[in-house]
Amino acid sequence: MNRLATFSMIASLSALSFAGIVHGQGAEMNWPKEIEQTVRSHSGDKINVVDVSTLSEQDQTRMWVDNATPEQRAALLEAVEANKPLAEKLKAQNVEMNNIGGAEQAADGGLTIYVR
């Protein structure tokens, strides 16, 4: 019985590890839905700028930023530039627009901008 339990545990852990790898490969699919519209319409003062390199390599956010398509990045940059007050706030924080790699709306309504 002990061998069966050990084998079951090993099989379960292997399956979880494989699922993590497959999940990571599909990270670009986790680009926040409608983030471009959120960025265009953002009018709050809560803006957090995060350097992607400060996130762990296994961090889900880092994966979707690193794996974003050129089209996704271009649409996000266009949305930032269309929101003049947001673009001005980011420039005031010395954010180079071409380094913006992602964005995410926080639960408190703030906006997190990820830079590369």
C-alpha atoms as a PDB file:
ATOM      1  CA  MET A   1       0.000   0.000   0.000  1.00  0.00           C
ATOM      2  CA  ASN A   2       2.851   2.386   0.786  1.00  0.00           C
ATOM      3  CA  ARG A   3       4.316   1.924  -2.708  1.00  0.00           C
ATOM      4  CA  LEU A   4       0.956   2.700  -4.275  1.00  0.00           C
ATOM      5  CA  ALA A   5       0.646   5.914  -2.250  1.00  0.00           C
ATOM      6  CA  THR A   6       4.203   6.947  -3.165  1.00  0.00           C
ATOM      7  CA  PHE A   7       3.601   6.259  -6.849  1.00  0.00           C
ATOM      8  CA  SER A   8       0.339   8.216  -6.748  1.00  0.00           C
ATOM      9  CA  MET A   9       2.079  11.175  -5.126  1.00  0.00           C
ATOM     10  CA  ILE A  10       4.880  11.159  -7.727  1.00  0.00           C
ATOM     11  CA  ALA A  11       2.387  10.939 -10.579  1.00  0.00           C
ATOM     12  CA  SER A  12       0.358  13.834  -9.152  1.00  0.00           C
ATOM     13  CA  LEU A  13       3.409  16.063  -8.742  1.00  0.00           C
ATOM     14  CA  SER A  14       4.588  15.248 -12.268  1.00  0.00           C
ATOM     15  CA  ALA A  15       1.189  16.147 -13.683  1.00  0.00           C
ATOM     16  CA  LEU A  16       1.176  19.472 -11.810  1.00  0.00           C
ATOM     17  CA  SER A  17       4.657  20.327 -13.087  1.00  0.00           C
ATOM     18  CA  PHE A  18       3.635  19.549 -16.659  1.00  0.00           C
ATOM     19  CA  ALA A  19       0.473  21.607 -16.298  1.00  0.00           C
ATOM     20  CA  GLY A  20       2.571  24.558 -15.134  1.00  0.00           C
ATOM     21  CA  ILE A  21       4.779  24.329 -18.212  1.00  0.00           C
ATOM     22  CA  VAL A  22       1.796  24.152 -20.548  1.00  0.00           C
ATOM     23  CA  HIS A  23       0.138  27.047 -18.714  1.00  0.00           C
ATOM     24  CA  GLY A  24       3.294  29.149 -19.054  1.00  0.00           C
ATOM     25  CA  GLN A  25       3.476  28.496 -22.772  1.00  0.00           C
ATOM     26  CA  GLY A  26       0.023  29.990 -23.199  1.00  0.00           C
ATOM     27  CA  ALA A  27       0.865  33.108 -21.208  1.00  0.00           C
ATOM     28  CA  GLU A  28       0.238  35.431 -24.131  1.00  0.00           C
ATOM     29  CA  MET A  29      -3.349  34.241 -24.034  1.00  0.00           C
ATOM     30  CA  ASN A  30      -3.629  35.870 -20.588  1.00  0.00           C
ATOM     31  CA  TRP A  31      -3.242  39.421 -21.886  1.00  0.00           C
ATOM     32  CA  PRO A  32      -5.797  41.372 -19.831  1.00  0.00           C
ATOM     33  CA  LYS A  33      -9.074  41.607 -21.692  1.00  0.00           C
ATOM     34  CA  GLU A  34      -9.911  45.045 -23.002  1.00  0.00           C
ATOM     35  CA  ILE A  35      -6.867  46.572 -21.305  1.00  0.00           C
ATOM     36  CA  GLU A  36      -6.489  49.026 -24.159  1.00  0.00           C
ATOM     37  CA  GLN A  37      -9.966  50.442 -23.469  1.00  0.00           C
ATOM     38  CA  THR A  38      -9.189  50.576 -19.747  1.00  0.00           C
ATOM     39  CA  VAL A  39      -5.983  52.507 -20.440  1.00  0.00           C
ATOM     40  CA  ARG A  40      -7.722  54.907 -22.848  1.00  0.00           C
ATOM     41  CA  SER A  41     -10.398  55.766 -20.301  1.00  0.00           C
ATOM     42  CA  HIS A  42      -8.259  55.759 -17.126  1.00  0.00           C
ATOM     43  CA  SER A  43      -8.593  59.085 -15.346  1.00  0.00           C
ATOM     44  CA  GLY A  44      -7.340  58.358 -11.839  1.00  0.00           C
ATOM     45  CA  ASP A  45      -4.142  59.423 -10.145  1.00  0.00           C
ATOM     46  CA  LYS A  46      -3.198  55.927  -8.956  1.00  0.00           C
ATOM     47  CA  ILE A  47      -0.526  54.898 -11.433  1.00  0.00           C
ATOM     48  CA  ASN A  48       2.102  52.362 -10.493  1.00  0.00           C
ATOM     49  CA  VAL A  49       5.071  51.747 -12.783  1.00  0.00           C
ATOM     50  CA  VAL A  50       6.745  48.340 -12.416  1.00  0.00           C
ATOM     51  CA  ASP A  51       9.899  47.173 -14.161  1.00  0.00           C
ATOM     52  CA  VAL A  52       9.172  43.674 -15.481  1.00  0.00           C
ATOM     53  CA  SER A  53      12.727  42.589 -14.610  1.00  0.00           C
ATOM     54  CA  THR A  54      11.845  42.932 -10.915  1.00  0.00           C
ATOM     55  CA  LEU A  55       9.256  40.132 -11.243  1.00  0.00           C
ATOM     56  CA  SER A  56      10.295  36.502 -10.940  1.00  0.00           C
ATOM     57  CA  GLU A  57      10.618  34.587 -14.195  1.00  0.00           C
ATOM     58  CA  GLN A  58       7.711  32.348 -13.138  1.00  0.00           C
ATOM     59  CA  ASP A  59       5.440  35.305 -12.404  1.00  0.00           C
ATOM     60  CA  GLN A  60       2.319  35.098 -14.565  1.00  0.00           C
ATOM     61  CA  THR A  61       2.348  38.822 -15.278  1.00  0.00           C
ATOM     62  CA  ARG A  62       5.967  38.701 -16.432  1.00  0.00           C
ATOM     63  CA  MET A  63       5.133  35.803 -18.742  1.00  0.00           C
ATOM     64  CA  TRP A  64       2.269  37.586 -20.488  1.00  0.00           C
ATOM     65  CA  VAL A  65       4.283  40.800 -20.803  1.00  0.00           C
ATOM     66  CA  ASP A  66       7.299  38.936 -22.191  1.00  0.00           C
ATOM     67  CA  ASN A  67       5.122  36.960 -24.612  1.00  0.00           C
ATOM     68  CA  ALA A  68       2.882  39.794 -25.784  1.00  0.00           C
ATOM     69  CA  THR A  69       2.546  40.008 -29.532  1.00  0.00           C
ATOM     70  CA  PRO A  70       3.760  43.095 -31.403  1.00  0.00           C
ATOM     71  CA  GLU A  71       0.114  43.853 -32.179  1.00  0.00           C
ATOM     72  CA  GLN A  72      -0.822  43.780 -28.488  1.00  0.00           C
ATOM     73  CA  ARG A  73       2.063  46.073 -27.572  1.00  0.00           C
ATOM     74  CA  ALA A  74       1.264  48.487 -30.415  1.00  0.00           C
ATOM     75  CA  ALA A  75      -2.405  48.653 -29.389  1.00  0.00           C
ATOM     76  CA  LEU A  76      -1.430  49.310 -25.774  1.00  0.00           C
ATOM     77  CA  LEU A  77       1.024  52.048 -26.731  1.00  0.00           C
ATOM     78  CA  GLU A  78      -1.626  53.654 -28.938  1.00  0.00           C
ATOM     79  CA  ALA A  79      -4.070  53.568 -26.006  1.00  0.00           C
ATOM     80  CA  VAL A  80      -1.532  55.209 -23.678  1.00  0.00           C
ATOM     81  CA  GLU A  81      -0.763  57.941 -26.196  1.00  0.00           C
ATOM     82  CA  ALA A  82      -4.498  58.545 -26.754  1.00  0.00           C
ATOM     83  CA  ASN A  83      -4.928  59.225 -23.025  1.00  0.00           C
ATOM     84  CA  LYS A  84      -3.038  62.543 -22.850  1.00  0.00           C
ATOM     85  CA  PRO A  85      -3.223  63.008 -19.039  1.00  0.00           C
ATOM     86  CA  LEU A  86      -1.930  59.461 -18.492  1.00  0.00           C
ATOM     87  CA  ALA A  87       0.850  59.907 -21.051  1.00  0.00           C
ATOM     88  CA  GLU A  88       1.896  63.163 -19.342  1.00  0.00           C
ATOM     89  CA  LYS A  89       1.977  61.476 -15.916  1.00  0.00           C
ATOM     90  CA  LEU A  90       4.090  58.637 -17.271  1.00  0.00           C
ATOM     91  CA  LYS A  91       6.488  61.041 -18.977  1.00  0.00           C
ATOM     92  CA  ALA A  92       6.761  62.970 -15.690  1.00  0.00           C
ATOM     93  CA  GLN A  93       7.929  59.690 -14.128  1.00  0.00           C
ATOM     94  CA  ASN A  94      10.535  59.342 -16.914  1.00  0.00           C
ATOM     95  CA  VAL A  95       8.763  56.411 -18.532  1.00  0.00           C
ATOM     96  CA  GLU A  96       9.858  55.953 -22.129  1.00  0.00           C
ATOM     97  CA  MET A  97       6.730  55.126 -24.088  1.00  0.00           C
ATOM     98  CA  ASN A  98       8.432  52.494 -26.244  1.00  0.00           C
ATOM     99  CA  ASN A  99       9.392  50.566 -23.094  1.00  0.00           C
ATOM    100  CA  ILE A 100       5.786  49.993 -22.018  1.00  0.00           C
ATOM    101  CA  GLY A 101       5.191  46.267 -22.197  1.00  0.00           C
ATOM    102  CA  GLY A 102       1.887  45.792 -20.431  1.00  0.00           C
ATOM    103  CA  ALA A 103      -0.777  47.268 -18.199  1.00  0.00           C
ATOM    104  CA  GLU A 104      -3.189  45.970 -15.637  1.00  0.00           C
ATOM    105  CA  GLN A 105      -6.032  47.525 -13.705  1.00  0.00           C
ATOM    106  CA  ALA A 106      -5.751  47.103  -9.940  1.00  0.00           C
ATOM    107  CA  ALA A 107      -8.662  46.177  -7.725  1.00  0.00           C
ATOM    108  CA  ASP A 108      -8.701  49.719  -6.287  1.00  0.00           C
ATOM    109  CA  GLY A 109      -9.151  51.222  -9.768  1.00  0.00           C
ATOM    110  CA  GLY A 110      -5.508  52.189 -10.107  1.00  0.00           C
ATOM    111  CA  LEU A 111      -3.429  51.314 -13.122  1.00  0.00           C
ATOM    112  CA  THR A 112      -0.174  49.383 -13.168  1.00  0.00           C
ATOM    113  CA  ILE A 113       2.086  49.991 -16.149  1.00  0.00           C
ATOM    114  CA  TYR A 114       4.776  47.383 -16.802  1.00  0.00           C
ATOM    115  CA  VAL A 115       7.955  48.566 -18.488  1.00  0.00           C
ATOM    116  CA  ARG A 116      10.715  46.513 -20.096  1.00  0.00           C
END
